[in-house]
C-alpha atoms as a PDB file:
ATOM      1  CA  MET A   1     -25.531  -1.113  -1.342  1.00  0.00           C
ATOM      2  CA  GLY A   2     -21.830  -1.172  -2.229  1.00  0.00           C
ATOM      3  CA  LYS A   3     -19.280   1.152  -0.876  1.00  0.00           C
ATOM      4  CA  MET A   4     -18.244   4.016  -2.934  1.00  0.00           C
ATOM      5  CA  ARG A   5     -14.683   5.306  -2.987  1.00  0.00           C
ATOM      6  CA  ALA A   6     -13.487   8.461  -4.260  1.00  0.00           C
ATOM      7  CA  LYS A   7     -10.941   8.308  -7.041  1.00  0.00           C
ATOM      8  CA  ILE A   8      -7.689   9.857  -6.597  1.00  0.00           C
ATOM      9  CA  LYS A   9      -6.938  12.673  -9.032  1.00  0.00           C
ATOM     10  CA  HIS A  10      -3.560  13.723  -7.946  1.00  0.00           C
ATOM     11  CA  PRO A  11      -1.195  12.251  -5.401  1.00  0.00           C
ATOM     12  CA  GLU A  12      -1.233  15.203  -3.120  1.00  0.00           C
ATOM     13  CA  GLU A  13      -4.955  15.300  -2.681  1.00  0.00           C
ATOM     14  CA  THR A  14      -5.025  12.323  -0.383  1.00  0.00           C
ATOM     15  CA  GLY A  15      -3.220  12.146   3.048  1.00  0.00           C
ATOM     16  CA  THR A  16      -1.743   9.013   4.631  1.00  0.00           C
ATOM     17  CA  VAL A  17      -4.065   6.517   6.330  1.00  0.00           C
ATOM     18  CA  ARG A  18      -2.940   7.988   9.670  1.00  0.00           C
ATOM     19  CA  GLN A  19      -4.036  11.535   8.616  1.00  0.00           C
ATOM     20  CA  HIS A  20      -7.522   9.880   7.833  1.00  0.00           C
ATOM     21  CA  GLY A  21      -7.710   8.793  11.501  1.00  0.00           C
ATOM     22  CA  ALA A  22      -7.011   5.168  11.184  1.00  0.00           C
ATOM     23  CA  HIS A  23      -4.820   3.517  13.786  1.00  0.00           C
ATOM     24  CA  PHE A  24      -1.946   1.870  12.024  1.00  0.00           C
ATOM     25  CA  ILE A  25       1.700   1.668  12.387  1.00  0.00           C
ATOM     26  CA  TYR A  26       3.784   1.545   9.171  1.00  0.00           C
ATOM     27  CA  GLY A  27       6.818  -0.368   8.480  1.00  0.00           C
ATOM     28  CA  GLY A  28       9.918  -0.626  10.938  1.00  0.00           C
ATOM     29  CA  PRO A  29      11.163  -3.483  12.930  1.00  0.00           C
ATOM     30  CA  SER A  30       8.612  -4.698  15.580  1.00  0.00           C
ATOM     31  CA  ALA A  31       7.931  -7.633  17.614  1.00  0.00           C
ATOM     32  CA  GLU A  32       4.444  -7.464  16.235  1.00  0.00           C
ATOM     33  CA  LYS A  33       3.106  -9.231  12.973  1.00  0.00           C
ATOM     34  CA  MET A  34       3.663  -7.601   9.724  1.00  0.00           C
ATOM     35  CA  ILE A  35       1.165  -7.495   6.923  1.00  0.00           C
ATOM     36  CA  VAL A  36       2.357  -7.252   3.202  1.00  0.00           C
ATOM     37  CA  PHE A  37       0.397  -5.492   0.510  1.00  0.00           C
ATOM     38  CA  TYR A  38       0.986  -6.623  -3.105  1.00  0.00           C
ATOM     39  CA  ILE A  39       0.723  -4.083  -5.875  1.00  0.00           C
ATOM     40  CA  GLU A  40       1.489  -4.779  -9.584  1.00  0.00           C
ATOM     41  CA  LEU A  41       2.667  -2.003 -11.897  1.00  0.00           C
ATOM     42  CA  TYR A  42       3.403  -1.984 -15.586  1.00  0.00           C
ATOM     43  CA  GLY A  43       6.077   0.407 -15.798  1.00  0.00           C
ATOM     44  CA  GLU A  44       9.442   0.636 -13.872  1.00  0.00           C
ATOM     45  CA  SER A  45       9.220   4.372 -13.406  1.00  0.00           C
ATOM     46  CA  SER A  46       5.658   4.079 -11.981  1.00  0.00           C
ATOM     47  CA  ALA A  47       6.920   1.344  -9.519  1.00  0.00           C
ATOM     48  CA  TYR A  48       9.579   3.706  -8.226  1.00  0.00           C
ATOM     49  CA  TYR A  49       7.397   6.730  -8.082  1.00  0.00           C
ATOM     50  CA  LEU A  50       4.897   4.802  -6.037  1.00  0.00           C
ATOM     51  CA  ALA A  51       7.585   3.295  -3.952  1.00  0.00           C
ATOM     52  CA  ALA A  52       9.017   6.826  -3.155  1.00  0.00           C
ATOM     53  CA  ARG A  53       5.535   8.198  -2.150  1.00  0.00           C
ATOM     54  CA  LEU A  54       4.885   5.312   0.234  1.00  0.00           C
ATOM     55  CA  GLN A  55       8.394   5.563   1.696  1.00  0.00           C
ATOM     56  CA  LYS A  56       7.628   9.237   2.519  1.00  0.00           C
ATOM     57  CA  GLU A  57       4.679   7.926   4.442  1.00  0.00           C
ATOM     58  CA  HIS A  58       7.074   5.562   6.371  1.00  0.00           C
ATOM     59  CA  TRP A  59       6.041   2.461   4.681  1.00  0.00           C
ATOM     60  CA  ASP A  60       8.548  -0.417   4.353  1.00  0.00           C
ATOM     61  CA  VAL A  61       8.655  -0.902   0.525  1.00  0.00           C
ATOM     62  CA  HIS A  62      10.277  -3.228  -1.817  1.00  0.00           C
ATOM     63  CA  VAL A  63      10.155  -3.175  -5.650  1.00  0.00           C
ATOM     64  CA  MET A  64      11.006  -6.221  -7.863  1.00  0.00           C
ATOM     65  CA  PRO A  65      10.729  -7.028 -11.718  1.00  0.00           C
ATOM     66  CA  THR A  66       8.832  -9.812 -12.653  1.00  0.00           C
ATOM     67  CA  GLY A  67       9.133 -10.110 -16.342  1.00  0.00           C
ATOM     68  CA  SER A  68       6.638  -7.888 -18.120  1.00  0.00           C
ATOM     69  CA  SER A  69       5.648  -5.878 -14.975  1.00  0.00           C
ATOM     70  CA  TRP A  70       6.882  -4.888 -11.456  1.00  0.00           C
ATOM     71  CA  VAL A  71       5.757  -5.922  -8.089  1.00  0.00           C
ATOM     72  CA  LEU A  72       5.707  -3.399  -5.232  1.00  0.00           C
ATOM     73  CA  LEU A  73       5.565  -4.908  -1.638  1.00  0.00           C
ATOM     74  CA  ALA A  74       4.451  -2.443   1.020  1.00  0.00           C
ATOM     75  CA  LYS A  75       4.773  -3.732   4.633  1.00  0.00           C
ATOM     76  CA  ALA A  76       3.149  -2.524   7.766  1.00  0.00           C
ATOM     77  CA  VAL A  77       2.582  -3.757  11.386  1.00  0.00           C
ATOM     78  CA  LEU A  78      -0.811  -5.702  11.612  1.00  0.00           C
ATOM     79  CA  THR A  79      -3.415  -4.170  13.969  1.00  0.00           C
ATOM     80  CA  PRO A  80      -6.525  -6.504  15.092  1.00  0.00           C
ATOM     81  CA  ASP A  81      -8.787  -3.889  13.506  1.00  0.00           C
ATOM     82  CA  HIS A  82     -10.157  -5.484  10.269  1.00  0.00           C
ATOM     83  CA  GLN A  83     -11.721  -2.184   9.164  1.00  0.00           C
ATOM     84  CA  THR A  84      -8.137  -0.650   9.068  1.00  0.00           C
ATOM     85  CA  ILE A  85      -6.918  -3.133   6.813  1.00  0.00           C
ATOM     86  CA  THR A  86     -10.006  -2.797   4.468  1.00  0.00           C
ATOM     87  CA  ASP A  87      -9.250   0.997   4.553  1.00  0.00           C
ATOM     88  CA  LEU A  88      -5.431   0.440   3.650  1.00  0.00           C
ATOM     89  CA  CYS A  89      -6.525  -1.765   0.790  1.00  0.00           C
ATOM     90  CA  ASP A  90      -8.901   0.737  -0.537  1.00  0.00           C
ATOM     91  CA  TYR A  91      -6.130   3.443  -0.241  1.00  0.00           C
ATOM     92  CA  LEU A  92      -3.551   1.294  -2.022  1.00  0.00           C
ATOM     93  CA  SER A  93      -6.011   0.345  -4.665  1.00  0.00           C
ATOM     94  CA  ASP A  94      -6.691   4.008  -5.461  1.00  0.00           C
ATOM     95  CA  LEU A  95      -2.990   4.786  -5.513  1.00  0.00           C
ATOM     96  CA  SER A  96      -1.947   1.763  -7.600  1.00  0.00           C
ATOM     97  CA  GLU A  97      -4.671   2.869 -10.143  1.00  0.00           C
ATOM     98  CA  PHE A  98      -3.321   6.317 -10.255  1.00  0.00           C
ATOM     99  CA  TYR A  99       0.183   5.059 -10.976  1.00  0.00           C
ATOM    100  CA  GLY A 100      -1.071   2.644 -13.616  1.00  0.00           C
ATOM    101  CA  GLY A 101      -1.140  -0.636 -11.791  1.00  0.00           C
ATOM    102  CA  SER A 102      -3.508  -2.754  -9.680  1.00  0.00           C
ATOM    103  CA  PHE A 103      -3.647  -3.727  -6.035  1.00  0.00           C
ATOM    104  CA  LYS A 104      -3.498  -7.551  -5.792  1.00  0.00           C
ATOM    105  CA  ARG A 105      -3.720  -8.746  -2.297  1.00  0.00           C
ATOM    106  CA  TRP A 106      -2.440  -8.570   1.210  1.00  0.00           C
ATOM    107  CA  GLU A 107      -1.133 -11.445   3.491  1.00  0.00           C
ATOM    108  CA  LEU A 108       0.679 -11.853   6.758  1.00  0.00           C
ATOM    109  CA  ASP A 109       4.344 -11.852   6.527  1.00  0.00           C
ATOM    110  CA  THR A 110       5.407 -15.051   7.894  1.00  0.00           C
ATOM    111  CA  TYR A 111       9.201 -14.266   7.616  1.00  0.00           C
ATOM    112  CA  HIS A 112       9.000 -11.312   9.864  1.00  0.00           C
END
């Protein structure tokens, strides 16, 4: 049976992943490996609203135009816990849908 996720109705209805009990360190310089999450948004204002929200949660966030859309890169320190990464992907997917976009993928930041 597939995992069911609750949809976000309003940004303030959900907390950070840390508040949900996951062990994850957001952004900031570290000797540990970083992971980058890619989110595509279709409006400039939506991209910057989501970026501001994630920055309040201490994510390292970058927004870039890509022609007809905007890409938001959210970075965090990688943990060995695969379930935490899955939970963050679900969280960012729900947030990106709320702001009119879509979560694309995650990858290791090889430049950090």
